[in-house]
Amino acid sequence: MTNCIAVFRSRSQAADCKARLCAAGVPAVLAGTPSSLGLGCGVSVKFPRSFSERAKKIIDRANYSAFYGYVYTR
């Protein structure tokens, strides 16, 4: 399964994002940011790629100041 990771520079915003996604029915979890990326605060939000369209709309609407971007993994 391919996953999408939403990378944040703030742990609190990553936690808020995870809560918003779960409330909207997106199966999201907090996950460590891959260290090979050298980005963010070390905590990101991971969800199945099949939910990426819905998740991206939610994240865009939240207008997080510490949101960095998306990474896709296997």
PDB file of N, CA and C in Angstrom:
ATOM      1  N   MET A   1       0.842  -1.175   0.000  1.00  0.00           N
ATOM      2  CA  MET A   1       0.000   0.000   0.000  1.00  0.00           C
ATOM      3  C   MET A   1       0.891   1.242   0.000  1.00  0.00           C
ATOM      4  N   THR A   2       0.536   2.209  -0.794  1.00  0.00           N
ATOM      5  CA  THR A   2       1.273   3.462  -0.845  1.00  0.00           C
ATOM      6  C   THR A   2       0.654   4.437   0.146  1.00  0.00           C
ATOM      7  N   ASN A   3       1.502   5.114   0.877  1.00  0.00           N
ATOM      8  CA  ASN A   3       1.049   6.095   1.857  1.00  0.00           C
ATOM      9  C   ASN A   3       1.475   7.488   1.456  1.00  0.00           C
ATOM     10  N   CYS A   4       0.806   8.460   2.022  1.00  0.00           N
ATOM     11  CA  CYS A   4       1.160   9.856   1.871  1.00  0.00           C
ATOM     12  C   CYS A   4       1.545  10.357   3.256  1.00  0.00           C
ATOM     13  N   ILE A   5       2.611  11.118   3.322  1.00  0.00           N
ATOM     14  CA  ILE A   5       3.049  11.706   4.580  1.00  0.00           C
ATOM     15  C   ILE A   5       2.972  13.221   4.439  1.00  0.00           C
ATOM     16  N   ALA A   6       2.216  13.843   5.323  1.00  0.00           N
ATOM     17  CA  ALA A   6       2.144  15.306   5.387  1.00  0.00           C
ATOM     18  C   ALA A   6       3.183  15.757   6.407  1.00  0.00           C
ATOM     19  N   VAL A   7       4.159  16.505   5.944  1.00  0.00           N
ATOM     20  CA  VAL A   7       5.297  16.910   6.777  1.00  0.00           C
ATOM     21  C   VAL A   7       5.033  18.294   7.383  1.00  0.00           C
ATOM     22  N   PHE A   8       5.280  18.391   8.687  1.00  0.00           N
ATOM     23  CA  PHE A   8       5.083  19.645   9.420  1.00  0.00           C
ATOM     24  C   PHE A   8       6.364  20.067  10.123  1.00  0.00           C
ATOM     25  N   ARG A   9       6.492  21.362  10.397  1.00  0.00           N
ATOM     26  CA  ARG A   9       7.586  21.899  11.199  1.00  0.00           C
ATOM     27  C   ARG A   9       7.156  22.105  12.648  1.00  0.00           C
ATOM     28  N   SER A  10       5.944  21.664  12.976  1.00  0.00           N
ATOM     29  CA  SER A  10       5.390  21.851  14.321  1.00  0.00           C
ATOM     30  C   SER A  10       4.677  20.581  14.762  1.00  0.00           C
ATOM     31  N   ARG A  11       5.056  20.084  15.922  1.00  0.00           N
ATOM     32  CA  ARG A  11       4.406  18.886  16.463  1.00  0.00           C
ATOM     33  C   ARG A  11       2.938  19.153  16.766  1.00  0.00           C
ATOM     34  N   SER A  12       2.626  20.319  17.324  1.00  0.00           N
ATOM     35  CA  SER A  12       1.239  20.608  17.684  1.00  0.00           C
ATOM     36  C   SER A  12       0.358  20.723  16.444  1.00  0.00           C
ATOM     37  N   GLN A  13       0.883  21.291  15.359  1.00  0.00           N
ATOM     38  CA  GLN A  13       0.082  21.369  14.139  1.00  0.00           C
ATOM     39  C   GLN A  13      -0.072  19.993  13.492  1.00  0.00           C
ATOM     40  N   ALA A  14       0.933  19.142  13.605  1.00  0.00           N
ATOM     41  CA  ALA A  14       0.813  17.771  13.090  1.00  0.00           C
ATOM     42  C   ALA A  14      -0.270  17.018  13.866  1.00  0.00           C
ATOM     43  N   ALA A  15      -0.292  17.183  15.189  1.00  0.00           N
ATOM     44  CA  ALA A  15      -1.305  16.525  16.010  1.00  0.00           C
ATOM     45  C   ALA A  15      -2.698  17.060  15.687  1.00  0.00           C
ATOM     46  N   ASP A  16      -2.826  18.359  15.474  1.00  0.00           N
ATOM     47  CA  ASP A  16      -4.108  18.945  15.112  1.00  0.00           C
ATOM     48  C   ASP A  16      -4.579  18.413  13.762  1.00  0.00           C
ATOM     49  N   CYS A  17      -3.659  18.316  12.829  1.00  0.00           N
ATOM     50  CA  CYS A  17      -3.992  17.800  11.500  1.00  0.00           C
ATOM     51  C   CYS A  17      -4.490  16.366  11.584  1.00  0.00           C
ATOM     52  N   LYS A  18      -3.810  15.532  12.344  1.00  0.00           N
ATOM     53  CA  LYS A  18      -4.220  14.137  12.507  1.00  0.00           C
ATOM     54  C   LYS A  18      -5.631  14.063  13.067  1.00  0.00           C
ATOM     55  N   ALA A  19      -5.935  14.892  14.067  1.00  0.00           N
ATOM     56  CA  ALA A  19      -7.271  14.895  14.666  1.00  0.00           C
ATOM     57  C   ALA A  19      -8.329  15.321  13.648  1.00  0.00           C
ATOM     58  N   ARG A  20      -8.035  16.345  12.854  1.00  0.00           N
ATOM     59  CA  ARG A  20      -8.992  16.812  11.842  1.00  0.00           C
ATOM     60  C   ARG A  20      -9.235  15.739  10.778  1.00  0.00           C
ATOM     61  N   LEU A  21      -8.158  15.082  10.346  1.00  0.00           N
ATOM     62  CA  LEU A  21      -8.304  14.047   9.327  1.00  0.00           C
ATOM     63  C   LEU A  21      -9.131  12.879   9.854  1.00  0.00           C
ATOM     64  N   CYS A  22      -8.843  12.432  11.069  1.00  0.00           N
ATOM     65  CA  CYS A  22      -9.594  11.322  11.653  1.00  0.00           C
ATOM     66  C   CYS A  22     -11.065  11.680  11.813  1.00  0.00           C
ATOM     67  N   ALA A  23     -11.340  12.905  12.226  1.00  0.00           N
ATOM     68  CA  ALA A  23     -12.726  13.349  12.388  1.00  0.00           C
ATOM     69  C   ALA A  23     -13.475  13.346  11.062  1.00  0.00           C
ATOM     70  N   ALA A  24     -12.735  13.505   9.962  1.00  0.00           N
ATOM     71  CA  ALA A  24     -13.338  13.514   8.626  1.00  0.00           C
ATOM     72  C   ALA A  24     -13.336  12.126   7.976  1.00  0.00           C
ATOM     73  N   GLY A  25     -12.938  11.107   8.739  1.00  0.00           N
ATOM     74  CA  GLY A  25     -12.967   9.743   8.224  1.00  0.00           C
ATOM     75  C   GLY A  25     -11.715   9.293   7.496  1.00  0.00           C
ATOM     76  N   VAL A  26     -10.649  10.072   7.588  1.00  0.00           N
ATOM     77  CA  VAL A  26      -9.375   9.682   6.967  1.00  0.00           C
ATOM     78  C   VAL A  26      -8.567   8.923   8.012  1.00  0.00           C
ATOM     79  N   PRO A  27      -8.171   7.679   7.732  1.00  0.00           N
ATOM     80  CA  PRO A  27      -7.401   6.904   8.700  1.00  0.00           C
ATOM     81  C   PRO A  27      -5.958   7.411   8.785  1.00  0.00           C
ATOM     82  N   ALA A  28      -5.736   8.377   9.652  1.00  0.00           N
ATOM     83  CA  ALA A  28      -4.431   9.026   9.771  1.00  0.00           C
ATOM     84  C   ALA A  28      -3.775   8.668  11.097  1.00  0.00           C
ATOM     85  N   VAL A  29      -2.454   8.633  11.086  1.00  0.00           N
ATOM     86  CA  VAL A  29      -1.677   8.392  12.302  1.00  0.00           C
ATOM     87  C   VAL A  29      -0.489   9.343  12.317  1.00  0.00           C
ATOM     88  N   LEU A  30      -0.018   9.647  13.530  1.00  0.00           N
ATOM     89  CA  LEU A  30       1.226  10.400  13.644  1.00  0.00           C
ATOM     90  C   LEU A  30       2.366   9.436  13.377  1.00  0.00           C
ATOM     91  N   ALA A  31       3.344   9.901  12.629  1.00  0.00           N
ATOM     92  CA  ALA A  31       4.472   9.048  12.263  1.00  0.00           C
ATOM     93  C   ALA A  31       5.738   9.885  12.247  1.00  0.00           C
ATOM     94  N   GLY A  32       6.842   9.230  12.423  1.00  0.00           N
ATOM     95  CA  GLY A  32       8.123   9.920  12.333  1.00  0.00           C
ATOM     96  C   GLY A  32       8.402  10.341  10.896  1.00  0.00           C
ATOM     97  N   THR A  33       8.894  11.549  10.742  1.00  0.00           N
ATOM     98  CA  THR A  33       9.307  12.011   9.418  1.00  0.00           C
ATOM     99  C   THR A  33      10.570  11.250   9.038  1.00  0.00           C
ATOM    100  N   PRO A  34      10.611  10.682   7.833  1.00  0.00           N
ATOM    101  CA  PRO A  34      11.834   9.969   7.439  1.00  0.00           C
ATOM    102  C   PRO A  34      13.063  10.870   7.594  1.00  0.00           C
ATOM    103  N   SER A  35      14.033  10.424   8.362  1.00  0.00           N
ATOM    104  CA  SER A  35      15.213  11.249   8.632  1.00  0.00           C
ATOM    105  C   SER A  35      16.000  11.565   7.369  1.00  0.00           C
ATOM    106  N   SER A  36      15.857  10.724   6.367  1.00  0.00           N
ATOM    107  CA  SER A  36      16.571  10.966   5.108  1.00  0.00           C
ATOM    108  C   SER A  36      16.118  12.252   4.431  1.00  0.00           C
ATOM    109  N   LEU A  37      14.923  12.750   4.800  1.00  0.00           N
ATOM    110  CA  LEU A  37      14.419  13.990   4.214  1.00  0.00           C
ATOM    111  C   LEU A  37      15.068  15.219   4.833  1.00  0.00           C
ATOM    112  N   GLY A  38      15.460  15.113   6.092  1.00  0.00           N
ATOM    113  CA  GLY A  38      16.048  16.246   6.783  1.00  0.00           C
ATOM    114  C   GLY A  38      15.090  17.419   6.905  1.00  0.00           C
ATOM    115  N   LEU A  39      13.810  17.119   7.090  1.00  0.00           N
ATOM    116  CA  LEU A  39      12.777  18.152   7.122  1.00  0.00           C
ATOM    117  C   LEU A  39      11.966  18.094   8.392  1.00  0.00           C
ATOM    118  N   GLY A  40      11.349  19.197   8.720  1.00  0.00           N
ATOM    119  CA  GLY A  40      10.314  19.226   9.737  1.00  0.00           C
ATOM    120  C   GLY A  40      10.796  19.012  11.150  1.00  0.00           C
ATOM    121  N   CYS A  41       9.852  18.690  12.009  1.00  0.00           N
ATOM    122  CA  CYS A  41      10.097  18.569  13.445  1.00  0.00           C
ATOM    123  C   CYS A  41      10.305  17.118  13.856  1.00  0.00           C
ATOM    124  N   GLY A  42      10.217  16.215  12.919  1.00  0.00           N
ATOM    125  CA  GLY A  42      10.358  14.802  13.234  1.00  0.00           C
ATOM    126  C   GLY A  42       9.048  14.066  13.352  1.00  0.00           C
ATOM    127  N   VAL A  43       7.921  14.796  13.389  1.00  0.00           N
ATOM    128  CA  VAL A  43       6.603  14.170  13.459  1.00  0.00           C
ATOM    129  C   VAL A  43       5.764  14.632  12.277  1.00  0.00           C
ATOM    130  N   SER A  44       5.197  13.675  11.588  1.00  0.00           N
ATOM    131  CA  SER A  44       4.345  13.963  10.434  1.00  0.00           C
ATOM    132  C   SER A  44       3.037  13.204  10.580  1.00  0.00           C
ATOM    133  N   VAL A  45       2.176  13.367   9.599  1.00  0.00           N
ATOM    134  CA  VAL A  45       0.895  12.671   9.593  1.00  0.00           C
ATOM    135  C   VAL A  45       0.878  11.748   8.381  1.00  0.00           C
ATOM    136  N   LYS A  46       0.622  10.470   8.638  1.00  0.00           N
ATOM    137  CA  LYS A  46       0.617   9.475   7.562  1.00  0.00           C
ATOM    138  C   LYS A  46      -0.801   8.970   7.333  1.00  0.00           C
ATOM    139  N   PHE A  47      -1.156   8.834   6.054  1.00  0.00           N
ATOM    140  CA  PHE A  47      -2.476   8.314   5.694  1.00  0.00           C
ATOM    141  C   PHE A  47      -2.358   7.607   4.354  1.00  0.00           C
ATOM    142  N   PRO A  48      -3.292   6.688   4.054  1.00  0.00           N
ATOM    143  CA  PRO A  48      -3.246   5.969   2.774  1.00  0.00           C
ATOM    144  C   PRO A  48      -3.399   6.935   1.594  1.00  0.00           C
ATOM    145  N   ARG A  49      -2.635   6.677   0.567  1.00  0.00           N
ATOM    146  CA  ARG A  49      -2.674   7.535  -0.620  1.00  0.00           C
ATOM    147  C   ARG A  49      -4.079   7.607  -1.215  1.00  0.00           C
ATOM    148  N   SER A  50      -4.858   6.568  -1.049  1.00  0.00           N
ATOM    149  CA  SER A  50      -6.224   6.557  -1.583  1.00  0.00           C
ATOM    150  C   SER A  50      -7.098   7.641  -0.951  1.00  0.00           C
ATOM    151  N   PHE A  51      -6.682   8.182   0.183  1.00  0.00           N
ATOM    152  CA  PHE A  51      -7.420   9.263   0.852  1.00  0.00           C
ATOM    153  C   PHE A  51      -6.779  10.627   0.611  1.00  0.00           C
ATOM    154  N   SER A  52      -5.774  10.692  -0.253  1.00  0.00           N
ATOM    155  CA  SER A  52      -5.010  11.934  -0.376  1.00  0.00           C
ATOM    156  C   SER A  52      -5.829  13.117  -0.880  1.00  0.00           C
ATOM    157  N   GLU A  53      -6.767  12.903  -1.774  1.00  0.00           N
ATOM    158  CA  GLU A  53      -7.564  14.025  -2.273  1.00  0.00           C
ATOM    159  C   GLU A  53      -8.364  14.668  -1.142  1.00  0.00           C
ATOM    160  N   ARG A  54      -9.038  13.840  -0.346  1.00  0.00           N
ATOM    161  CA  ARG A  54      -9.826  14.354   0.775  1.00  0.00           C
ATOM    162  C   ARG A  54      -8.913  15.011   1.812  1.00  0.00           C
ATOM    163  N   ALA A  55      -7.804  14.346   2.136  1.00  0.00           N
ATOM    164  CA  ALA A  55      -6.889  14.869   3.146  1.00  0.00           C
ATOM    165  C   ALA A  55      -6.283  16.205   2.726  1.00  0.00           C
ATOM    166  N   LYS A  56      -5.905  16.321   1.475  1.00  0.00           N
ATOM    167  CA  LYS A  56      -5.298  17.571   1.000  1.00  0.00           C
ATOM    168  C   LYS A  56      -6.277  18.736   1.087  1.00  0.00           C
ATOM    169  N   LYS A  57      -7.542  18.490   0.822  1.00  0.00           N
ATOM    170  CA  LYS A  57      -8.543  19.557   0.949  1.00  0.00           C
ATOM    171  C   LYS A  57      -8.647  20.021   2.404  1.00  0.00           C
ATOM    172  N   ILE A  58      -8.644  19.072   3.315  1.00  0.00           N
ATOM    173  CA  ILE A  58      -8.744  19.402   4.744  1.00  0.00           C
ATOM    174  C   ILE A  58      -7.512  20.187   5.189  1.00  0.00           C
ATOM    175  N   ILE A  59      -6.344  19.738   4.766  1.00  0.00           N
ATOM    176  CA  ILE A  59      -5.102  20.409   5.146  1.00  0.00           C
ATOM    177  C   ILE A  59      -5.034  21.804   4.536  1.00  0.00           C
ATOM    178  N   ASP A  60      -5.448  21.950   3.296  1.00  0.00           N
ATOM    179  CA  ASP A  60      -5.463  23.274   2.658  1.00  0.00           C
ATOM    180  C   ASP A  60      -6.382  24.233   3.402  1.00  0.00           C
ATOM    181  N   ARG A  61      -7.572  23.758   3.767  1.00  0.00           N
ATOM    182  CA  ARG A  61      -8.535  24.600   4.479  1.00  0.00           C
ATOM    183  C   ARG A  61      -8.017  25.043   5.850  1.00  0.00           C
ATOM    184  N   ALA A  62      -7.219  24.200   6.496  1.00  0.00           N
ATOM    185  CA  ALA A  62      -6.702  24.524   7.826  1.00  0.00           C
ATOM    186  C   ALA A  62      -5.631  25.614   7.767  1.00  0.00           C
ATOM    187  N   ASN A  63      -5.006  25.792   6.612  1.00  0.00           N
ATOM    188  CA  ASN A  63      -4.011  26.855   6.408  1.00  0.00           C
ATOM    189  C   ASN A  63      -2.913  26.824   7.482  1.00  0.00           C
ATOM    190  N   TYR A  64      -2.312  25.653   7.671  1.00  0.00           N
ATOM    191  CA  TYR A  64      -1.257  25.500   8.675  1.00  0.00           C
ATOM    192  C   TYR A  64      -0.018  26.304   8.288  1.00  0.00           C
ATOM    193  N   SER A  65       0.488  27.083   9.218  1.00  0.00           N
ATOM    194  CA  SER A  65       1.684  27.881   8.950  1.00  0.00           C
ATOM    195  C   SER A  65       2.954  27.024   8.945  1.00  0.00           C
ATOM    196  N   ALA A  66       2.920  25.875   9.593  1.00  0.00           N
ATOM    197  CA  ALA A  66       4.097  25.019   9.699  1.00  0.00           C
ATOM    198  C   ALA A  66       4.043  23.809   8.765  1.00  0.00           C
ATOM    199  N   PHE A  67       3.114  23.812   7.822  1.00  0.00           N
ATOM    200  CA  PHE A  67       3.015  22.695   6.881  1.00  0.00           C
ATOM    201  C   PHE A  67       4.118  22.833   5.837  1.00  0.00           C
ATOM    202  N   TYR A  68       4.845  21.724   5.587  1.00  0.00           N
ATOM    203  CA  TYR A  68       5.965  21.759   4.635  1.00  0.00           C
ATOM    204  C   TYR A  68       5.567  21.215   3.266  1.00  0.00           C
ATOM    205  N   GLY A  69       4.888  20.070   3.235  1.00  0.00           N
ATOM    206  CA  GLY A  69       4.514  19.463   1.971  1.00  0.00           C
ATOM    207  C   GLY A  69       4.240  17.977   2.141  1.00  0.00           C
ATOM    208  N   TYR A  70       4.131  17.292   0.994  1.00  0.00           N
ATOM    209  CA  TYR A  70       3.770  15.870   0.984  1.00  0.00           C
ATOM    210  C   TYR A  70       4.920  15.018   0.457  1.00  0.00           C
ATOM    211  N   VAL A  71       5.011  13.804   1.001  1.00  0.00           N
ATOM    212  CA  VAL A  71       5.956  12.793   0.540  1.00  0.00           C
ATOM    213  C   VAL A  71       5.168  11.510   0.383  1.00  0.00           C
ATOM    214  N   TYR A  72       5.414  10.786  -0.699  1.00  0.00           N
ATOM    215  CA  TYR A  72       4.741   9.508  -0.921  1.00  0.00           C
ATOM    216  C   TYR A  72       5.712   8.370  -0.678  1.00  0.00           C
ATOM    217  N   THR A  73       5.259   7.341   0.065  1.00  0.00           N
ATOM    218  CA  THR A  73       6.096   6.200   0.413  1.00  0.00           C
ATOM    219  C   THR A  73       5.373   4.906   0.095  1.00  0.00           C
ATOM    220  N   ARG A  74       6.086   3.843   0.101  1.00  0.00           N
ATOM    221  CA  ARG A  74       5.511   2.501  -0.057  1.00  0.00           C
ATOM    222  C   ARG A  74       5.500   1.799   1.265  1.00  0.00           C
TER     223      ARG A  74
END
